[in-house]
């Protein structure tokens, strides 16, 4: 699977989790807790494959540097909100609002990646390079899932 397809599949999975999370209520404490744990794990693995493999490769192309730097910053903002969510009890009245803000930030990030960033990637990488990046990213992703499952 090429790098862009792999990232797009991750985005689709995350968007589904975000939609499910927004529909939970304070009374659905177990559901919120489980969903957030899955979402956080998915986000951390996704960010890692982007930040360790995809972003550095793309950033080496001058036309893509600005959008990659913005991607790193968007990850940082989402990580901050996830940290706040993790420290907030799921029954707290502010949890839903924080989740919504995180959801909006992630959706904005996905829109930018799937638009400008993926367009840039297609223009600077050959199909073989995208396949090679995708293989490396998938390998790191599987390793991350194994580590997460062992914890």
Foldseek 3Di string as FASTA:
>chain_A
DFQVVVLVVLLVVLLVLLVVLLPDALVPQVVNVVSLVVNVLSLVLSVCLCVVFVLVVLCVDVVCVVVSVVLVVLSVVLVVLSVVLVVDRSNDPCNSVSSVVSSVSSVVSVVCCVPVVVVSVPVPDDRVRRRVSNVVSVVSSVVSVVVVVVD
